[in-house]
């Protein structure tokens, strides 16, 4: 058998070579070599994140504040104006549309006991609504309404007795 020397030329039936790339495209990692593991001496020194976390925990936010604080009350300084009071009808509409009030009223109607803080707020708000309704003349008088009898037993008993008398009359 004759020996055929290997060549780098590609025959027409051999595998196609990809085109050559430029040297700049081939050099992907020109930057700093990425190492594995921890840096030298890292077990004896704290990390930057741990140091920052430790500083934030010990740092008092009040230190270094540049806000001026008045040590004495200045009589010449203008006092802050009180907020303008709303018209009674506007305030009443605003209070009645309050979602917190509606939520607390639903909870009390369902028989749930409220926290003392919520109960105090609810009582104060309902008192304010009553005052506003009185100012606007929208009071609902309890005298105008008749209360329903607490129990219908006497009424039912009298009807039963009348029915028994009618039954006796029918038998005769």
C-alpha atoms as a PDB file:
ATOM      1  CA  UNK A   1       0.000   0.000   0.000  1.00  0.00           C
ATOM      2  CA  UNK A   2       1.302   3.374  -0.870  1.00  0.00           C
ATOM      3  CA  UNK A   3       1.727   5.907   1.792  1.00  0.00           C
ATOM      4  CA  UNK A   4      -0.249   9.163   1.358  1.00  0.00           C
ATOM      5  CA  UNK A   5       1.124  12.135   3.156  1.00  0.00           C
ATOM      6  CA  UNK A   6      -1.428  14.166   5.147  1.00  0.00           C
ATOM      7  CA  UNK A   7      -2.201  17.573   3.838  1.00  0.00           C
ATOM      8  CA  UNK A   8      -4.097  20.531   5.159  1.00  0.00           C
ATOM      9  CA  UNK A   9      -5.894  21.211   1.954  1.00  0.00           C
ATOM     10  CA  UNK A  10      -9.552  20.326   1.983  1.00  0.00           C
ATOM     11  CA  UNK A  11     -10.882  18.261  -0.839  1.00  0.00           C
ATOM     12  CA  UNK A  12     -14.155  19.105  -2.428  1.00  0.00           C
ATOM     13  CA  UNK A  13     -15.737  16.180  -0.621  1.00  0.00           C
ATOM     14  CA  UNK A  14     -14.156  16.906   2.800  1.00  0.00           C
ATOM     15  CA  UNK A  15     -15.532  18.920   5.737  1.00  0.00           C
ATOM     16  CA  UNK A  16     -15.837  22.657   5.179  1.00  0.00           C
ATOM     17  CA  UNK A  17     -13.781  24.893   7.388  1.00  0.00           C
ATOM     18  CA  UNK A  18     -15.366  27.905   9.051  1.00  0.00           C
ATOM     19  CA  UNK A  19     -14.010  31.271   7.913  1.00  0.00           C
ATOM     20  CA  UNK A  20     -11.150  32.691   9.933  1.00  0.00           C
ATOM     21  CA  UNK A  21     -12.028  35.240  12.615  1.00  0.00           C
ATOM     22  CA  UNK A  22     -10.130  38.363  13.418  1.00  0.00           C
ATOM     23  CA  UNK A  23      -7.833  38.307  16.405  1.00  0.00           C
ATOM     24  CA  UNK A  24      -9.946  40.891  18.263  1.00  0.00           C
ATOM     25  CA  UNK A  25     -13.019  38.689  18.002  1.00  0.00           C
ATOM     26  CA  UNK A  26     -11.104  35.634  19.186  1.00  0.00           C
ATOM     27  CA  UNK A  27      -9.796  37.330  22.336  1.00  0.00           C
ATOM     28  CA  UNK A  28     -12.905  37.227  24.525  1.00  0.00           C
ATOM     29  CA  UNK A  29     -11.317  37.385  27.933  1.00  0.00           C
ATOM     30  CA  UNK A  30      -8.990  40.309  27.763  1.00  0.00           C
ATOM     31  CA  UNK A  31      -9.959  41.550  31.236  1.00  0.00           C
ATOM     32  CA  UNK A  32      -8.967  40.357  34.665  1.00  0.00           C
ATOM     33  CA  UNK A  33      -8.906  36.621  35.160  1.00  0.00           C
ATOM     34  CA  UNK A  34     -11.864  35.403  37.176  1.00  0.00           C
ATOM     35  CA  UNK A  35     -10.574  33.342  40.044  1.00  0.00           C
ATOM     36  CA  UNK A  36     -12.246  30.613  41.992  1.00  0.00           C
ATOM     37  CA  UNK A  37     -12.775  30.535  45.718  1.00  0.00           C
ATOM     38  CA  UNK A  38     -12.302  33.203  48.319  1.00  0.00           C
ATOM     39  CA  UNK A  39      -9.764  35.999  48.216  1.00  0.00           C
ATOM     40  CA  UNK A  40      -6.616  35.582  50.243  1.00  0.00           C
ATOM     41  CA  UNK A  41      -7.061  36.370  53.928  1.00  0.00           C
ATOM     42  CA  UNK A  42     -10.846  36.620  53.617  1.00  0.00           C
ATOM     43  CA  UNK A  43     -11.474  34.370  56.565  1.00  0.00           C
ATOM     44  CA  UNK A  44      -9.757  36.796  58.926  1.00  0.00           C
ATOM     45  CA  UNK A  45     -11.275  39.996  57.563  1.00  0.00           C
ATOM     46  CA  UNK A  46     -14.963  40.859  57.467  1.00  0.00           C
ATOM     47  CA  UNK A  47     -16.709  41.410  54.164  1.00  0.00           C
ATOM     48  CA  UNK A  48     -17.742  44.883  53.042  1.00  0.00           C
ATOM     49  CA  UNK A  49     -21.445  44.020  53.325  1.00  0.00           C
ATOM     50  CA  UNK A  50     -21.052  42.829  56.917  1.00  0.00           C
ATOM     51  CA  UNK A  51     -19.163  46.013  57.818  1.00  0.00           C
ATOM     52  CA  UNK A  52     -21.841  48.203  56.224  1.00  0.00           C
ATOM     53  CA  UNK A  53     -24.608  46.288  58.012  1.00  0.00           C
ATOM     54  CA  UNK A  54     -22.786  46.624  61.344  1.00  0.00           C
ATOM     55  CA  UNK A  55     -22.298  50.377  60.843  1.00  0.00           C
ATOM     56  CA  UNK A  56     -25.942  50.890  59.931  1.00  0.00           C
ATOM     57  CA  UNK A  57     -27.061  49.073  63.077  1.00  0.00           C
ATOM     58  CA  UNK A  58     -24.888  51.125  65.408  1.00  0.00           C
ATOM     59  CA  UNK A  59     -25.385  54.479  63.660  1.00  0.00           C
ATOM     60  CA  UNK A  60     -27.921  56.750  65.328  1.00  0.00           C
ATOM     61  CA  UNK A  61     -30.096  58.489  62.702  1.00  0.00           C
ATOM     62  CA  UNK A  62     -30.468  61.543  64.917  1.00  0.00           C
ATOM     63  CA  UNK A  63     -26.755  62.278  64.871  1.00  0.00           C
ATOM     64  CA  UNK A  64     -25.644  64.820  62.353  1.00  0.00           C
ATOM     65  CA  UNK A  65     -29.078  66.350  61.789  1.00  0.00           C
ATOM     66  CA  UNK A  66     -28.807  69.920  60.577  1.00  0.00           C
ATOM     67  CA  UNK A  67     -32.417  70.905  61.292  1.00  0.00           C
ATOM     68  CA  UNK A  68     -32.580  73.947  63.555  1.00  0.00           C
ATOM     69  CA  UNK A  69     -34.482  73.482  66.783  1.00  0.00           C
ATOM     70  CA  UNK A  70     -36.070  76.449  68.538  1.00  0.00           C
ATOM     71  CA  UNK A  71     -35.093  76.448  72.193  1.00  0.00           C
ATOM     72  CA  UNK A  72     -37.474  79.236  73.175  1.00  0.00           C
ATOM     73  CA  UNK A  73     -40.976  80.103  72.037  1.00  0.00           C
ATOM     74  CA  UNK A  74     -40.890  83.236  69.935  1.00  0.00           C
ATOM     75  CA  UNK A  75     -43.935  85.399  70.614  1.00  0.00           C
ATOM     76  CA  UNK A  76     -43.428  87.396  67.419  1.00  0.00           C
ATOM     77  CA  UNK A  77     -43.531  84.347  65.186  1.00  0.00           C
ATOM     78  CA  UNK A  78     -46.901  83.802  63.504  1.00  0.00           C
ATOM     79  CA  UNK A  79     -48.879  80.932  64.926  1.00  0.00           C
ATOM     80  CA  UNK A  80     -50.010  78.162  62.614  1.00  0.00           C
ATOM     81  CA  UNK A  81     -53.499  78.784  61.357  1.00  0.00           C
ATOM     82  CA  UNK A  82     -56.112  76.252  62.396  1.00  0.00           C
ATOM     83  CA  UNK A  83     -57.664  74.300  59.533  1.00  0.00           C
ATOM     84  CA  UNK A  84     -60.887  75.808  58.254  1.00  0.00           C
ATOM     85  CA  UNK A  85     -64.006  74.050  59.438  1.00  0.00           C
ATOM     86  CA  UNK A  86     -66.139  72.474  56.743  1.00  0.00           C
ATOM     87  CA  UNK A  87     -69.779  73.286  56.266  1.00  0.00           C
ATOM     88  CA  UNK A  88     -71.968  70.954  58.369  1.00  0.00           C
ATOM     89  CA  UNK A  89     -73.570  69.278  55.367  1.00  0.00           C
ATOM     90  CA  UNK A  90     -70.190  68.676  53.690  1.00  0.00           C
ATOM     91  CA  UNK A  91     -68.705  67.320  56.899  1.00  0.00           C
ATOM     92  CA  UNK A  92     -71.720  65.059  57.437  1.00  0.00           C
ATOM     93  CA  UNK A  93     -71.449  63.667  53.904  1.00  0.00           C
ATOM     94  CA  UNK A  94     -67.723  63.098  54.388  1.00  0.00           C
ATOM     95  CA  UNK A  95     -68.267  61.266  57.684  1.00  0.00           C
ATOM     96  CA  UNK A  96     -71.043  59.086  56.293  1.00  0.00           C
ATOM     97  CA  UNK A  97     -68.881  58.076  53.322  1.00  0.00           C
ATOM     98  CA  UNK A  98     -65.969  57.070  55.564  1.00  0.00           C
ATOM     99  CA  UNK A  99     -65.060  53.417  54.801  1.00  0.00           C
ATOM    100  CA  UNK A 100     -63.622  52.878  58.295  1.00  0.00           C
ATOM    101  CA  UNK A 101     -66.904  53.958  59.883  1.00  0.00           C
ATOM    102  CA  UNK A 102     -68.887  51.643  57.607  1.00  0.00           C
ATOM    103  CA  UNK A 103     -66.555  48.742  58.347  1.00  0.00           C
ATOM    104  CA  UNK A 104     -66.770  49.237  62.109  1.00  0.00           C
ATOM    105  CA  UNK A 105     -70.575  49.574  61.998  1.00  0.00           C
ATOM    106  CA  UNK A 106     -70.847  46.310  60.036  1.00  0.00           C
ATOM    107  CA  UNK A 107     -68.614  44.586  62.561  1.00  0.00           C
ATOM    108  CA  UNK A 108     -70.676  45.786  65.527  1.00  0.00           C
ATOM    109  CA  UNK A 109     -73.946  44.803  63.842  1.00  0.00           C
ATOM    110  CA  UNK A 110     -72.591  41.292  63.290  1.00  0.00           C
ATOM    111  CA  UNK A 111     -71.980  41.028  67.050  1.00  0.00           C
ATOM    112  CA  UNK A 112     -68.209  41.403  67.019  1.00  0.00           C
ATOM    113  CA  UNK A 113     -66.564  43.263  69.899  1.00  0.00           C
ATOM    114  CA  UNK A 114     -64.212  46.026  68.852  1.00  0.00           C
ATOM    115  CA  UNK A 115     -60.865  47.009  70.297  1.00  0.00           C
ATOM    116  CA  UNK A 116     -61.128  49.870  72.805  1.00  0.00           C
ATOM    117  CA  UNK A 117     -59.302  52.231  70.436  1.00  0.00           C
ATOM    118  CA  UNK A 118     -61.693  51.444  67.569  1.00  0.00           C
ATOM    119  CA  UNK A 119     -64.736  51.647  69.856  1.00  0.00           C
ATOM    120  CA  UNK A 120     -63.670  55.086  71.134  1.00  0.00           C
ATOM    121  CA  UNK A 121     -63.189  56.341  67.565  1.00  0.00           C
ATOM    122  CA  UNK A 122     -66.572  54.938  66.532  1.00  0.00           C
ATOM    123  CA  UNK A 123     -68.335  56.572  69.510  1.00  0.00           C
ATOM    124  CA  UNK A 124     -66.690  59.945  68.833  1.00  0.00           C
ATOM    125  CA  UNK A 125     -67.595  59.791  65.141  1.00  0.00           C
ATOM    126  CA  UNK A 126     -71.200  58.815  65.821  1.00  0.00           C
ATOM    127  CA  UNK A 127     -71.488  61.651  68.363  1.00  0.00           C
ATOM    128  CA  UNK A 128     -70.152  64.100  65.772  1.00  0.00           C
ATOM    129  CA  UNK A 129     -72.659  62.810  63.192  1.00  0.00           C
ATOM    130  CA  UNK A 130     -75.478  63.250  65.728  1.00  0.00           C
ATOM    131  CA  UNK A 131     -74.349  66.830  66.433  1.00  0.00           C
ATOM    132  CA  UNK A 132     -74.190  67.650  62.729  1.00  0.00           C
ATOM    133  CA  UNK A 133     -77.644  66.165  62.125  1.00  0.00           C
ATOM    134  CA  UNK A 134     -78.993  68.247  65.014  1.00  0.00           C
ATOM    135  CA  UNK A 135     -77.418  71.392  63.508  1.00  0.00           C
ATOM    136  CA  UNK A 136     -78.963  70.656  60.123  1.00  0.00           C
ATOM    137  CA  UNK A 137     -82.355  69.811  61.614  1.00  0.00           C
ATOM    138  CA  UNK A 138     -82.254  66.220  60.436  1.00  0.00           C
ATOM    139  CA  UNK A 139     -82.934  64.762  63.879  1.00  0.00           C
ATOM    140  CA  UNK A 140     -84.986  61.616  63.896  1.00  0.00           C
ATOM    141  CA  UNK A 141     -87.403  61.832  66.804  1.00  0.00           C
ATOM    142  CA  UNK A 142     -88.009  58.568  68.582  1.00  0.00           C
ATOM    143  CA  UNK A 143     -91.374  59.872  69.830  1.00  0.00           C
ATOM    144  CA  UNK A 144     -92.945  59.779  66.359  1.00  0.00           C
ATOM    145  CA  UNK A 145     -92.409  56.084  65.902  1.00  0.00           C
ATOM    146  CA  UNK A 146     -94.410  53.416  67.665  1.00  0.00           C
ATOM    147  CA  UNK A 147     -92.411  50.573  69.029  1.00  0.00           C
ATOM    148  CA  UNK A 148     -93.473  47.080  68.139  1.00  0.00           C
ATOM    149  CA  UNK A 149     -94.668  44.976  71.038  1.00  0.00           C
ATOM    150  CA  UNK A 150     -91.844  42.960  72.458  1.00  0.00           C
ATOM    151  CA  UNK A 151     -93.757  39.721  72.319  1.00  0.00           C
ATOM    152  CA  UNK A 152     -96.811  38.668  70.381  1.00  0.00           C
ATOM    153  CA  UNK A 153     -97.876  36.082  72.946  1.00  0.00           C
ATOM    154  CA  UNK A 154    -100.882  37.944  74.451  1.00  0.00           C
ATOM    155  CA  UNK A 155    -102.179  38.682  70.969  1.00  0.00           C
ATOM    156  CA  UNK A 156    -101.821  35.046  69.898  1.00  0.00           C
ATOM    157  CA  UNK A 157    -103.393  33.822  73.107  1.00  0.00           C
ATOM    158  CA  UNK A 158    -106.457  36.030  72.669  1.00  0.00           C
ATOM    159  CA  UNK A 159    -106.872  34.847  69.073  1.00  0.00           C
ATOM    160  CA  UNK A 160    -106.644  31.244  70.233  1.00  0.00           C
ATOM    161  CA  UNK A 161    -109.284  31.795  72.892  1.00  0.00           C
ATOM    162  CA  UNK A 162    -111.593  33.466  70.369  1.00  0.00           C
ATOM    163  CA  UNK A 163    -111.115  30.517  68.049  1.00  0.00           C
ATOM    164  CA  UNK A 164    -112.047  28.114  70.842  1.00  0.00           C
ATOM    165  CA  UNK A 165    -115.242  30.101  71.539  1.00  0.00           C
ATOM    166  CA  UNK A 166    -116.151  30.061  67.845  1.00  0.00           C
ATOM    167  CA  UNK A 167    -115.548  26.328  67.709  1.00  0.00           C
ATOM    168  CA  UNK A 168    -117.871  25.817  70.685  1.00  0.00           C
ATOM    169  CA  UNK A 169    -120.544  27.917  68.995  1.00  0.00           C
ATOM    170  CA  UNK A 170    -120.201  25.886  65.803  1.00  0.00           C
ATOM    171  CA  UNK A 171    -120.593  22.595  67.680  1.00  0.00           C
ATOM    172  CA  UNK A 172    -123.907  23.723  69.226  1.00  0.00           C
END
